[in-house]
Amino acid sequence: MLQLPQDPNLAAPTSATPLLKASEHGRTEAVRVLLEAGADKDLATNSGYTALMIASDQGDLEVASLLVEAGADKNLANIFGCTALMMAARSSVHIVRLLLEASADKDAVDNDGDTALMHAADDGFAEALRLLADAGADMDVANNDGRTAMMIAAGKGHAEVVSFLREAGADKDMTNISGRTTLMMAASRGHVKVVHLLVEACADKDVADNDGNTALLLAAGKGHSEVVRLLVEAGADRDFTNLRGRTALMVAAQWGHSEVVRLLEASKAPTWSQLLQHQLLKRLSMATLQLCECWWKPAPT
């Protein structure tokens, strides 16, 4: 290649240059030769993928390192707004480290408003997420739907990621555009471990979304009995009504979730009349015992 008068940037009809093809197939030596021959490092496919994005997406550290050393643009985005760092956040902690050390923009957002940290949270890639957080990535920034990294992780049931973000100080009570919190997202999908973590962190159990549903109402409506049990034991309001006037018990009964109905019925707080009756019975029992003691007590001699 270095000795022949050929253009290293000559693309196929699909817009794939030799460098793009070599990066796609992990041909490290070919990538090295093409870069030495002056191949354009930042030419992209029709979808906007550069060689560095392709290597990052595939977790190919050797190729990515060659491209970064050659000065490839780390912050270019494809037609979806995704950068190489966002792709690495789902594939390789080593490439995440490489790109951060090369000063890649850690808070860039894609077309959905997702950052690299959110991509890592969505994939449950805790190690990559830790690197990004340690580098100062914003943990509480929200995407176009108003979801934060913690909300995204909670909705997927990634307990390790939620635990890390909680300990790192991420806001657990932020709401998305639907008014839903991290706890609601975990509860509505039945992610028991995540719900347990959030309850332990004193997440607000009785805040309601735009439809008036709390985490308990959402869990009850989906039939997630273990989540319902956790929330009730943590003191969630069983009698809270949504905008349609329905309680968790009504919603569970409507959808035929018998186990949830049994749980909620068993955890019912006693009424005033029941409490009064209990107190009266207790006093009557005590009086009866005292009478018996007097009856059997031997007379003084």
C-alpha atoms as a PDB file:
ATOM      1  CA  MET A   1       0.000   0.000   0.000  1.00  0.00           C
ATOM      2  CA  LEU A   2       2.814   2.419   0.889  1.00  0.00           C
ATOM      3  CA  GLN A   3       4.545   1.734  -2.440  1.00  0.00           C
ATOM      4  CA  LEU A   4       1.543   1.669  -4.785  1.00  0.00           C
ATOM      5  CA  PRO A   5      -0.111   4.853  -6.115  1.00  0.00           C
ATOM      6  CA  GLN A   6      -3.529   4.023  -4.672  1.00  0.00           C
ATOM      7  CA  ASP A   7      -5.901   6.283  -2.793  1.00  0.00           C
ATOM      8  CA  PRO A   8      -6.310   4.883   0.771  1.00  0.00           C
ATOM      9  CA  ASN A   9      -9.616   6.756   1.027  1.00  0.00           C
ATOM     10  CA  LEU A  10     -11.215   5.249  -2.057  1.00  0.00           C
ATOM     11  CA  ALA A  11     -14.647   4.061  -0.953  1.00  0.00           C
ATOM     12  CA  ALA A  12     -16.881   1.294  -2.183  1.00  0.00           C
ATOM     13  CA  PRO A  13     -20.393   2.152  -3.435  1.00  0.00           C
ATOM     14  CA  THR A  14     -21.594   1.541   0.145  1.00  0.00           C
ATOM     15  CA  SER A  15     -19.261   4.352   1.316  1.00  0.00           C
ATOM     16  CA  ALA A  16     -17.059   1.891   3.221  1.00  0.00           C
ATOM     17  CA  THR A  17     -13.440   2.951   2.874  1.00  0.00           C
ATOM     18  CA  PRO A  18     -10.569   0.462   3.348  1.00  0.00           C
ATOM     19  CA  LEU A  19      -9.992   1.862   6.855  1.00  0.00           C
ATOM     20  CA  LEU A  20     -13.645   1.397   7.788  1.00  0.00           C
ATOM     21  CA  LYS A  21     -13.608  -2.172   6.488  1.00  0.00           C
ATOM     22  CA  ALA A  22     -10.358  -3.007   8.250  1.00  0.00           C
ATOM     23  CA  SER A  23     -11.713  -1.571  11.514  1.00  0.00           C
ATOM     24  CA  GLU A  24     -14.960  -3.497  11.138  1.00  0.00           C
ATOM     25  CA  HIS A  25     -13.138  -6.798  10.787  1.00  0.00           C
ATOM     26  CA  GLY A  26     -10.482  -6.096  13.419  1.00  0.00           C
ATOM     27  CA  ARG A  27      -7.558  -6.095  10.982  1.00  0.00           C
ATOM     28  CA  THR A  28      -5.066  -4.319  13.225  1.00  0.00           C
ATOM     29  CA  GLU A  29      -2.093  -4.462  10.835  1.00  0.00           C
ATOM     30  CA  ALA A  30      -4.191  -3.268   7.914  1.00  0.00           C
ATOM     31  CA  VAL A  31      -5.422  -0.353  10.019  1.00  0.00           C
ATOM     32  CA  ARG A  32      -1.821   0.497  10.905  1.00  0.00           C
ATOM     33  CA  VAL A  33      -0.709   0.416   7.255  1.00  0.00           C
ATOM     34  CA  LEU A  34      -3.658   2.529   6.099  1.00  0.00           C
ATOM     35  CA  LEU A  35      -3.033   5.151   8.775  1.00  0.00           C
ATOM     36  CA  GLU A  36       0.644   5.309   7.774  1.00  0.00           C
ATOM     37  CA  ALA A  37      -0.475   5.764   4.164  1.00  0.00           C
ATOM     38  CA  GLY A  38      -2.481   8.827   5.189  1.00  0.00           C
ATOM     39  CA  ALA A  39      -5.990   7.360   5.276  1.00  0.00           C
ATOM     40  CA  ASP A  40      -8.605   9.820   6.514  1.00  0.00           C
ATOM     41  CA  LYS A  41      -9.321   8.725  10.073  1.00  0.00           C
ATOM     42  CA  ASP A  42     -12.686  10.464  10.275  1.00  0.00           C
ATOM     43  CA  LEU A  43     -14.441   9.431   7.064  1.00  0.00           C
ATOM     44  CA  ALA A  44     -17.770   7.822   7.936  1.00  0.00           C
ATOM     45  CA  THR A  45     -20.322   5.413   6.518  1.00  0.00           C
ATOM     46  CA  ASN A  46     -23.702   6.600   5.246  1.00  0.00           C
ATOM     47  CA  SER A  47     -24.963   6.151   8.807  1.00  0.00           C
ATOM     48  CA  GLY A  48     -22.199   8.340  10.157  1.00  0.00           C
ATOM     49  CA  TYR A  49     -20.050   5.603  11.716  1.00  0.00           C
ATOM     50  CA  THR A  50     -16.345   6.388  11.777  1.00  0.00           C
ATOM     51  CA  ALA A  51     -13.601   3.795  12.172  1.00  0.00           C
ATOM     52  CA  LEU A  52     -13.233   4.757  15.841  1.00  0.00           C
ATOM     53  CA  MET A  53     -16.959   4.294  16.451  1.00  0.00           C
ATOM     54  CA  ILE A  54     -16.864   0.880  14.810  1.00  0.00           C
ATOM     55  CA  ALA A  55     -13.870  -0.236  16.897  1.00  0.00           C
ATOM     56  CA  SER A  56     -15.481   1.140  20.072  1.00  0.00           C
ATOM     57  CA  ASP A  57     -18.787  -0.558  19.350  1.00  0.00           C
ATOM     58  CA  GLN A  58     -17.020  -3.888  18.860  1.00  0.00           C
ATOM     59  CA  GLY A  59     -14.769  -3.468  21.876  1.00  0.00           C
ATOM     60  CA  ASP A  60     -11.610  -3.663  19.772  1.00  0.00           C
ATOM     61  CA  LEU A  61      -9.043  -1.952  21.988  1.00  0.00           C
ATOM     62  CA  GLU A  62      -6.090  -2.437  19.633  1.00  0.00           C
ATOM     63  CA  VAL A  63      -7.772  -0.771  16.676  1.00  0.00           C
ATOM     64  CA  ALA A  64      -9.288   1.952  18.854  1.00  0.00           C
ATOM     65  CA  SER A  65      -5.869   2.709  20.354  1.00  0.00           C
ATOM     66  CA  LEU A  66      -4.297   3.037  16.902  1.00  0.00           C
ATOM     67  CA  LEU A  67      -6.998   5.440  15.808  1.00  0.00           C
ATOM     68  CA  VAL A  68      -6.811   7.570  18.946  1.00  0.00           C
ATOM     69  CA  GLU A  69      -3.007   7.735  18.675  1.00  0.00           C
ATOM     70  CA  ALA A  70      -3.401   8.816  15.052  1.00  0.00           C
ATOM     71  CA  GLY A  71      -5.636  11.682  16.128  1.00  0.00           C
ATOM     72  CA  ALA A  72      -9.100  10.405  15.195  1.00  0.00           C
ATOM     73  CA  ASP A  73     -11.894  12.738  16.289  1.00  0.00           C
ATOM     74  CA  LYS A  74     -13.293  11.285  19.512  1.00  0.00           C
ATOM     75  CA  ASN A  75     -16.443  13.410  19.604  1.00  0.00           C
ATOM     76  CA  LEU A  76     -17.950  12.863  16.173  1.00  0.00           C
ATOM     77  CA  ALA A  77     -21.502  11.471  16.251  1.00  0.00           C
ATOM     78  CA  ASN A  78     -23.373   9.198  13.867  1.00  0.00           C
ATOM     79  CA  ILE A  79     -26.877   9.921  12.508  1.00  0.00           C
ATOM     80  CA  PHE A  80     -28.324   8.755  15.840  1.00  0.00           C
ATOM     81  CA  GLY A  81     -26.163  11.208  17.754  1.00  0.00           C
ATOM     82  CA  CYS A  82     -24.032   8.447  19.271  1.00  0.00           C
ATOM     83  CA  THR A  83     -20.332   8.995  19.868  1.00  0.00           C
ATOM     84  CA  ALA A  84     -17.523   6.471  20.226  1.00  0.00           C
ATOM     85  CA  LEU A  85     -17.646   6.864  24.020  1.00  0.00           C
ATOM     86  CA  MET A  86     -21.355   6.003  24.112  1.00  0.00           C
ATOM     87  CA  MET A  87     -20.665   2.853  22.138  1.00  0.00           C
ATOM     88  CA  ALA A  88     -17.722   1.896  24.334  1.00  0.00           C
ATOM     89  CA  ALA A  89     -19.938   2.396  27.421  1.00  0.00           C
ATOM     90  CA  ARG A  90     -21.796  -0.730  26.284  1.00  0.00           C
ATOM     91  CA  SER A  91     -18.840  -2.805  25.146  1.00  0.00           C
ATOM     92  CA  SER A  92     -15.430  -2.168  26.710  1.00  0.00           C
ATOM     93  CA  VAL A  93     -14.267  -0.576  29.945  1.00  0.00           C
ATOM     94  CA  HIS A  94     -10.764  -0.396  28.463  1.00  0.00           C
ATOM     95  CA  ILE A  95     -11.921   1.722  25.532  1.00  0.00           C
ATOM     96  CA  VAL A  96     -13.960   3.911  27.893  1.00  0.00           C
ATOM     97  CA  ARG A  97     -10.757   4.550  29.842  1.00  0.00           C
ATOM     98  CA  LEU A  98      -8.814   5.181  26.619  1.00  0.00           C
ATOM     99  CA  LEU A  99     -11.338   7.743  25.387  1.00  0.00           C
ATOM    100  CA  LEU A 100     -11.691   9.498  28.735  1.00  0.00           C
ATOM    101  CA  GLU A 101      -7.917   9.823  28.982  1.00  0.00           C
ATOM    102  CA  ALA A 102      -8.013  11.315  25.477  1.00  0.00           C
ATOM    103  CA  SER A 103     -10.536  13.916  26.749  1.00  0.00           C
ATOM    104  CA  ALA A 104     -13.638  12.593  25.004  1.00  0.00           C
ATOM    105  CA  ASP A 105     -16.793  14.541  25.901  1.00  0.00           C
ATOM    106  CA  LYS A 106     -18.318  12.495  28.743  1.00  0.00           C
ATOM    107  CA  ASP A 107     -21.585  14.484  28.824  1.00  0.00           C
ATOM    108  CA  ALA A 108     -22.409  14.579  25.091  1.00  0.00           C
ATOM    109  CA  VAL A 109     -25.978  13.484  24.334  1.00  0.00           C
ATOM    110  CA  ASP A 110     -27.438  11.444  21.490  1.00  0.00           C
ATOM    111  CA  ASN A 111     -30.696  12.160  19.657  1.00  0.00           C
ATOM    112  CA  ASP A 112     -32.692  10.755  22.599  1.00  0.00           C
ATOM    113  CA  GLY A 113     -30.802  12.880  25.086  1.00  0.00           C
ATOM    114  CA  ASP A 114     -28.883   9.900  26.469  1.00  0.00           C
ATOM    115  CA  THR A 115     -25.310  10.317  27.676  1.00  0.00           C
ATOM    116  CA  ALA A 116     -22.559   7.694  27.798  1.00  0.00           C
ATOM    117  CA  LEU A 117     -23.420   7.168  31.481  1.00  0.00           C
ATOM    118  CA  MET A 118     -27.020   6.387  30.516  1.00  0.00           C
ATOM    119  CA  HIS A 119     -25.864   3.935  27.858  1.00  0.00           C
ATOM    120  CA  ALA A 120     -23.798   2.125  30.499  1.00  0.00           C
ATOM    121  CA  ALA A 121     -26.755   2.174  32.925  1.00  0.00           C
ATOM    122  CA  ASP A 122     -29.103   0.779  30.292  1.00  0.00           C
ATOM    123  CA  ASP A 123     -26.725  -2.094  29.603  1.00  0.00           C
ATOM    124  CA  GLY A 124     -26.013  -2.742  33.273  1.00  0.00           C
ATOM    125  CA  PHE A 125     -22.312  -2.145  32.645  1.00  0.00           C
ATOM    126  CA  ALA A 126     -21.383  -1.127  36.193  1.00  0.00           C
ATOM    127  CA  GLU A 127     -17.614  -0.991  35.645  1.00  0.00           C
ATOM    128  CA  ALA A 128     -17.902   1.417  32.711  1.00  0.00           C
ATOM    129  CA  LEU A 129     -20.426   3.484  34.627  1.00  0.00           C
ATOM    130  CA  ARG A 130     -18.040   3.793  37.590  1.00  0.00           C
ATOM    131  CA  LEU A 131     -15.287   5.058  35.300  1.00  0.00           C
ATOM    132  CA  LEU A 132     -17.597   7.680  33.809  1.00  0.00           C
ATOM    133  CA  ALA A 133     -18.877   8.782  37.210  1.00  0.00           C
ATOM    134  CA  ASP A 134     -15.342   8.990  38.602  1.00  0.00           C
ATOM    135  CA  ALA A 135     -14.426  11.144  35.602  1.00  0.00           C
ATOM    136  CA  GLY A 136     -17.179  13.571  36.604  1.00  0.00           C
ATOM    137  CA  ALA A 137     -20.007  12.566  34.295  1.00  0.00           C
ATOM    138  CA  ASP A 138     -23.308  14.130  35.369  1.00  0.00           C
ATOM    139  CA  MET A 139     -25.331  11.469  37.210  1.00  0.00           C
ATOM    140  CA  ASP A 140     -28.574  13.437  37.411  1.00  0.00           C
ATOM    141  CA  VAL A 141     -28.904  14.814  33.891  1.00  0.00           C
ATOM    142  CA  ALA A 142     -32.175  13.699  32.289  1.00  0.00           C
ATOM    143  CA  ASN A 143     -32.827  12.579  28.707  1.00  0.00           C
ATOM    144  CA  ASN A 144     -35.675  13.651  26.412  1.00  0.00           C
ATOM    145  CA  ASP A 145     -38.133  11.501  28.411  1.00  0.00           C
ATOM    146  CA  GLY A 146     -36.935  12.972  31.676  1.00  0.00           C
ATOM    147  CA  ARG A 147     -35.208   9.750  32.713  1.00  0.00           C
ATOM    148  CA  THR A 148     -31.907   9.763  34.572  1.00  0.00           C
ATOM    149  CA  ALA A 149     -29.268   7.024  34.554  1.00  0.00           C
ATOM    150  CA  MET A 150     -30.667   5.685  37.837  1.00  0.00           C
ATOM    151  CA  MET A 151     -34.194   5.504  36.423  1.00  0.00           C
ATOM    152  CA  ILE A 152     -32.947   3.687  33.333  1.00  0.00           C
ATOM    153  CA  ALA A 153     -30.997   1.158  35.428  1.00  0.00           C
ATOM    154  CA  ALA A 154     -33.929   0.644  37.809  1.00  0.00           C
ATOM    155  CA  GLY A 155     -36.303  -0.023  34.931  1.00  0.00           C
ATOM    156  CA  LYS A 156     -33.960  -2.724  33.662  1.00  0.00           C
ATOM    157  CA  GLY A 157     -33.414  -4.249  37.107  1.00  0.00           C
ATOM    158  CA  HIS A 158     -29.688  -3.500  37.228  1.00  0.00           C
ATOM    159  CA  ALA A 159     -29.309  -3.542  41.022  1.00  0.00           C
ATOM    160  CA  GLU A 160     -25.513  -3.121  41.029  1.00  0.00           C
ATOM    161  CA  VAL A 161     -25.750   0.055  38.951  1.00  0.00           C
ATOM    162  CA  VAL A 162     -28.574   1.461  41.095  1.00  0.00           C
ATOM    163  CA  SER A 163     -26.590   0.668  44.250  1.00  0.00           C
ATOM    164  CA  PHE A 164     -23.505   2.455  42.937  1.00  0.00           C
ATOM    165  CA  LEU A 165     -25.455   5.534  41.840  1.00  0.00           C
ATOM    166  CA  ARG A 166     -27.282   5.661  45.168  1.00  0.00           C
ATOM    167  CA  GLU A 167     -24.001   5.533  47.107  1.00  0.00           C
ATOM    168  CA  ALA A 168     -22.470   8.107  44.751  1.00  0.00           C
ATOM    169  CA  GLY A 169     -25.242  10.546  45.653  1.00  0.00           C
ATOM    170  CA  ALA A 170     -27.485  10.408  42.589  1.00  0.00           C
ATOM    171  CA  ASP A 171     -30.985  11.831  43.158  1.00  0.00           C
ATOM    172  CA  LYS A 172     -33.348   8.896  43.770  1.00  0.00           C
ATOM    173  CA  ASP A 173     -36.553  10.962  43.825  1.00  0.00           C
ATOM    174  CA  MET A 174     -36.345  12.822  40.517  1.00  0.00           C
ATOM    175  CA  THR A 175     -39.331  12.353  38.198  1.00  0.00           C
ATOM    176  CA  ASN A 176     -39.549  11.866  34.440  1.00  0.00           C
ATOM    177  CA  ILE A 177     -42.027  13.619  32.148  1.00  0.00           C
ATOM    178  CA  SER A 178     -44.734  11.173  33.274  1.00  0.00           C
ATOM    179  CA  GLY A 179     -44.080  12.000  36.910  1.00  0.00           C
ATOM    180  CA  ARG A 180     -42.531   8.625  37.634  1.00  0.00           C
ATOM    181  CA  THR A 181     -39.645   8.111  40.022  1.00  0.00           C
ATOM    182  CA  THR A 182     -36.889   5.521  40.087  1.00  0.00           C
ATOM    183  CA  LEU A 183     -38.864   3.508  42.655  1.00  0.00           C
ATOM    184  CA  MET A 184     -41.966   3.509  40.453  1.00  0.00           C
ATOM    185  CA  MET A 185     -39.995   2.204  37.494  1.00  0.00           C
ATOM    186  CA  ALA A 186     -38.525  -0.651  39.494  1.00  0.00           C
ATOM    187  CA  ALA A 187     -41.846  -1.442  41.205  1.00  0.00           C
ATOM    188  CA  SER A 188     -43.870  -1.477  37.984  1.00  0.00           C
ATOM    189  CA  ARG A 189     -41.474  -4.022  36.480  1.00  0.00           C
ATOM    190  CA  GLY A 190     -41.213  -6.226  39.555  1.00  0.00           C
ATOM    191  CA  HIS A 191     -37.512  -5.702  40.246  1.00  0.00           C
ATOM    192  CA  VAL A 192     -37.472  -6.751  43.904  1.00  0.00           C
ATOM    193  CA  LYS A 193     -33.749  -6.169  44.581  1.00  0.00           C
ATOM    194  CA  VAL A 194     -33.879  -2.645  43.201  1.00  0.00           C
ATOM    195  CA  VAL A 195     -37.039  -1.829  45.149  1.00  0.00           C
ATOM    196  CA  HIS A 196     -35.368  -3.127  48.316  1.00  0.00           C
ATOM    197  CA  LEU A 197     -32.310  -0.906  47.696  1.00  0.00           C
ATOM    198  CA  LEU A 198     -34.469   2.173  47.155  1.00  0.00           C
ATOM    199  CA  VAL A 199     -36.691   1.524  50.168  1.00  0.00           C
ATOM    200  CA  GLU A 200     -33.544   1.155  52.285  1.00  0.00           C
ATOM    201  CA  ALA A 201     -32.371   4.507  50.888  1.00  0.00           C
ATOM    202  CA  CYS A 202     -35.655   6.073  52.060  1.00  0.00           C
ATOM    203  CA  ALA A 203     -36.976   6.780  48.564  1.00  0.00           C
ATOM    204  CA  ASP A 204     -40.392   8.469  48.671  1.00  0.00           C
ATOM    205  CA  LYS A 205     -42.906   5.593  48.650  1.00  0.00           C
ATOM    206  CA  ASP A 206     -46.097   7.628  48.342  1.00  0.00           C
ATOM    207  CA  VAL A 207     -45.303  10.204  45.662  1.00  0.00           C
ATOM    208  CA  ALA A 208     -47.715   9.858  42.722  1.00  0.00           C
ATOM    209  CA  ASP A 209     -47.176  10.097  38.967  1.00  0.00           C
ATOM    210  CA  ASN A 210     -49.238  12.156  36.522  1.00  0.00           C
ATOM    211  CA  ASP A 211     -52.049   9.584  36.703  1.00  0.00           C
ATOM    212  CA  GLY A 212     -52.034   9.583  40.492  1.00  0.00           C
ATOM    213  CA  ASN A 213     -50.371   6.170  40.761  1.00  0.00           C
ATOM    214  CA  THR A 214     -47.839   5.410  43.476  1.00  0.00           C
ATOM    215  CA  ALA A 215     -45.207   2.675  43.366  1.00  0.00           C
ATOM    216  CA  LEU A 216     -47.616   0.423  45.297  1.00  0.00           C
ATOM    217  CA  LEU A 217     -50.473   1.012  42.863  1.00  0.00           C
ATOM    218  CA  LEU A 218     -48.226   0.282  39.897  1.00  0.00           C
ATOM    219  CA  ALA A 219     -46.861  -2.932  41.444  1.00  0.00           C
ATOM    220  CA  ALA A 220     -50.352  -4.064  42.447  1.00  0.00           C
ATOM    221  CA  GLY A 221     -51.683  -3.469  38.948  1.00  0.00           C
ATOM    222  CA  LYS A 222     -48.934  -5.654  37.486  1.00  0.00           C
ATOM    223  CA  GLY A 223     -49.325  -8.403  40.047  1.00  0.00           C
ATOM    224  CA  HIS A 224     -45.826  -8.097  41.519  1.00  0.00           C
ATOM    225  CA  SER A 225     -46.624  -9.615  44.913  1.00  0.00           C
ATOM    226  CA  GLU A 226     -43.090  -9.527  46.379  1.00  0.00           C
ATOM    227  CA  VAL A 227     -42.751  -5.836  45.537  1.00  0.00           C
ATOM    228  CA  VAL A 228     -46.170  -5.169  47.063  1.00  0.00           C
ATOM    229  CA  ARG A 229     -45.088  -7.006  50.228  1.00  0.00           C
ATOM    230  CA  LEU A 230     -41.891  -4.935  50.453  1.00  0.00           C
ATOM    231  CA  LEU A 231     -43.709  -1.642  50.001  1.00  0.00           C
ATOM    232  CA  VAL A 232     -46.465  -2.476  52.487  1.00  0.00           C
ATOM    233  CA  GLU A 233     -43.903  -3.572  55.090  1.00  0.00           C
ATOM    234  CA  ALA A 234     -42.037  -0.302  54.473  1.00  0.00           C
ATOM    235  CA  GLY A 235     -45.191   1.637  55.284  1.00  0.00           C
ATOM    236  CA  ALA A 236     -46.487   2.584  51.835  1.00  0.00           C
ATOM    237  CA  ASP A 237     -50.013   4.003  51.945  1.00  0.00           C
ATOM    238  CA  ARG A 238     -52.352   1.128  51.053  1.00  0.00           C
ATOM    239  CA  ASP A 239     -55.388   3.421  50.861  1.00  0.00           C
ATOM    240  CA  PHE A 240     -53.922   5.980  48.477  1.00  0.00           C
ATOM    241  CA  THR A 241     -56.251   6.555  45.500  1.00  0.00           C
ATOM    242  CA  ASN A 242     -55.204   7.465  41.966  1.00  0.00           C
ATOM    243  CA  LEU A 243     -56.985   9.968  39.722  1.00  0.00           C
ATOM    244  CA  ARG A 244     -59.638   7.331  38.968  1.00  0.00           C
ATOM    245  CA  GLY A 245     -60.321   6.853  42.647  1.00  0.00           C
ATOM    246  CA  ARG A 246     -58.776   3.386  42.778  1.00  0.00           C
ATOM    247  CA  THR A 247     -56.659   1.950  45.558  1.00  0.00           C
ATOM    248  CA  ALA A 248     -53.979  -0.718  45.169  1.00  0.00           C
ATOM    249  CA  LEU A 249     -56.480  -3.337  46.330  1.00  0.00           C
ATOM    250  CA  MET A 250     -59.041  -2.261  43.720  1.00  0.00           C
ATOM    251  CA  VAL A 251     -56.470  -2.321  40.938  1.00  0.00           C
ATOM    252  CA  ALA A 252     -55.179  -5.765  41.940  1.00  0.00           C
ATOM    253  CA  ALA A 253     -58.730  -7.121  42.113  1.00  0.00           C
ATOM    254  CA  GLN A 254     -59.605  -5.593  38.732  1.00  0.00           C
ATOM    255  CA  TRP A 255     -56.736  -7.425  37.032  1.00  0.00           C
ATOM    256  CA  GLY A 256     -57.267 -10.668  38.921  1.00  0.00           C
ATOM    257  CA  HIS A 257     -54.015 -10.654  40.887  1.00  0.00           C
ATOM    258  CA  SER A 258     -55.255 -12.855  43.721  1.00  0.00           C
ATOM    259  CA  GLU A 259     -51.943 -13.117  45.590  1.00  0.00           C
ATOM    260  CA  VAL A 260     -51.681  -9.328  45.754  1.00  0.00           C
ATOM    261  CA  VAL A 261     -55.320  -9.090  46.876  1.00  0.00           C
ATOM    262  CA  ARG A 262     -54.590 -11.560  49.709  1.00  0.00           C
ATOM    263  CA  LEU A 263     -51.498  -9.595  50.755  1.00  0.00           C
ATOM    264  CA  LEU A 264     -53.335  -6.288  50.843  1.00  0.00           C
ATOM    265  CA  GLU A 265     -56.323  -7.755  52.653  1.00  0.00           C
ATOM    266  CA  ALA A 266     -54.061  -9.374  55.255  1.00  0.00           C
ATOM    267  CA  SER A 267     -52.259  -6.095  55.876  1.00  0.00           C
ATOM    268  CA  LYS A 268     -55.418  -4.066  56.378  1.00  0.00           C
ATOM    269  CA  ALA A 269     -55.267  -1.726  59.324  1.00  0.00           C
ATOM    270  CA  PRO A 270     -58.043  -2.402  61.876  1.00  0.00           C
ATOM    271  CA  THR A 271     -60.998  -0.005  61.907  1.00  0.00           C
ATOM    272  CA  TRP A 272     -61.897   2.080  64.965  1.00  0.00           C
ATOM    273  CA  SER A 273     -64.759  -0.264  65.812  1.00  0.00           C
ATOM    274  CA  GLN A 274     -62.388  -3.237  65.602  1.00  0.00           C
ATOM    275  CA  LEU A 275     -59.873  -1.488  67.854  1.00  0.00           C
ATOM    276  CA  LEU A 276     -62.614  -0.597  70.356  1.00  0.00           C
ATOM    277  CA  GLN A 277     -63.903  -4.160  70.323  1.00  0.00           C
ATOM    278  CA  HIS A 278     -60.365  -5.432  70.902  1.00  0.00           C
ATOM    279  CA  GLN A 279     -59.874  -3.092  73.861  1.00  0.00           C
ATOM    280  CA  LEU A 280     -63.224  -4.093  75.403  1.00  0.00           C
ATOM    281  CA  LEU A 281     -62.385  -7.794  75.048  1.00  0.00           C
ATOM    282  CA  LYS A 282     -58.962  -7.184  76.565  1.00  0.00           C
ATOM    283  CA  ARG A 283     -60.466  -5.408  79.586  1.00  0.00           C
ATOM    284  CA  LEU A 284     -63.142  -8.095  79.970  1.00  0.00           C
ATOM    285  CA  SER A 285     -60.442 -10.783  79.955  1.00  0.00           C
ATOM    286  CA  MET A 286     -58.448  -8.947  82.597  1.00  0.00           C
ATOM    287  CA  ALA A 287     -61.543  -8.509  84.770  1.00  0.00           C
ATOM    288  CA  THR A 288     -62.358 -12.212  84.415  1.00  0.00           C
ATOM    289  CA  LEU A 289     -58.834 -13.169  85.459  1.00  0.00           C
ATOM    290  CA  GLN A 290     -58.988 -10.913  88.507  1.00  0.00           C
ATOM    291  CA  LEU A 291     -62.356 -12.428  89.472  1.00  0.00           C
ATOM    292  CA  CYS A 292     -60.929 -15.920  89.151  1.00  0.00           C
ATOM    293  CA  GLU A 293     -57.977 -14.976  91.323  1.00  0.00           C
ATOM    294  CA  CYS A 294     -60.338 -13.653  93.987  1.00  0.00           C
ATOM    295  CA  TRP A 295     -62.520 -16.786  93.761  1.00  0.00           C
ATOM    296  CA  TRP A 296     -59.650 -19.208  94.244  1.00  0.00           C
ATOM    297  CA  LYS A 297     -57.733 -17.152  96.728  1.00  0.00           C
ATOM    298  CA  PRO A 298     -57.878 -18.985 100.088  1.00  0.00           C
ATOM    299  CA  ALA A 299     -59.583 -17.151 102.936  1.00  0.00           C
ATOM    300  CA  PRO A 300     -57.277 -15.803 105.678  1.00  0.00           C
ATOM    301  CA  THR A 301     -57.082 -18.057 108.765  1.00  0.00           C
END
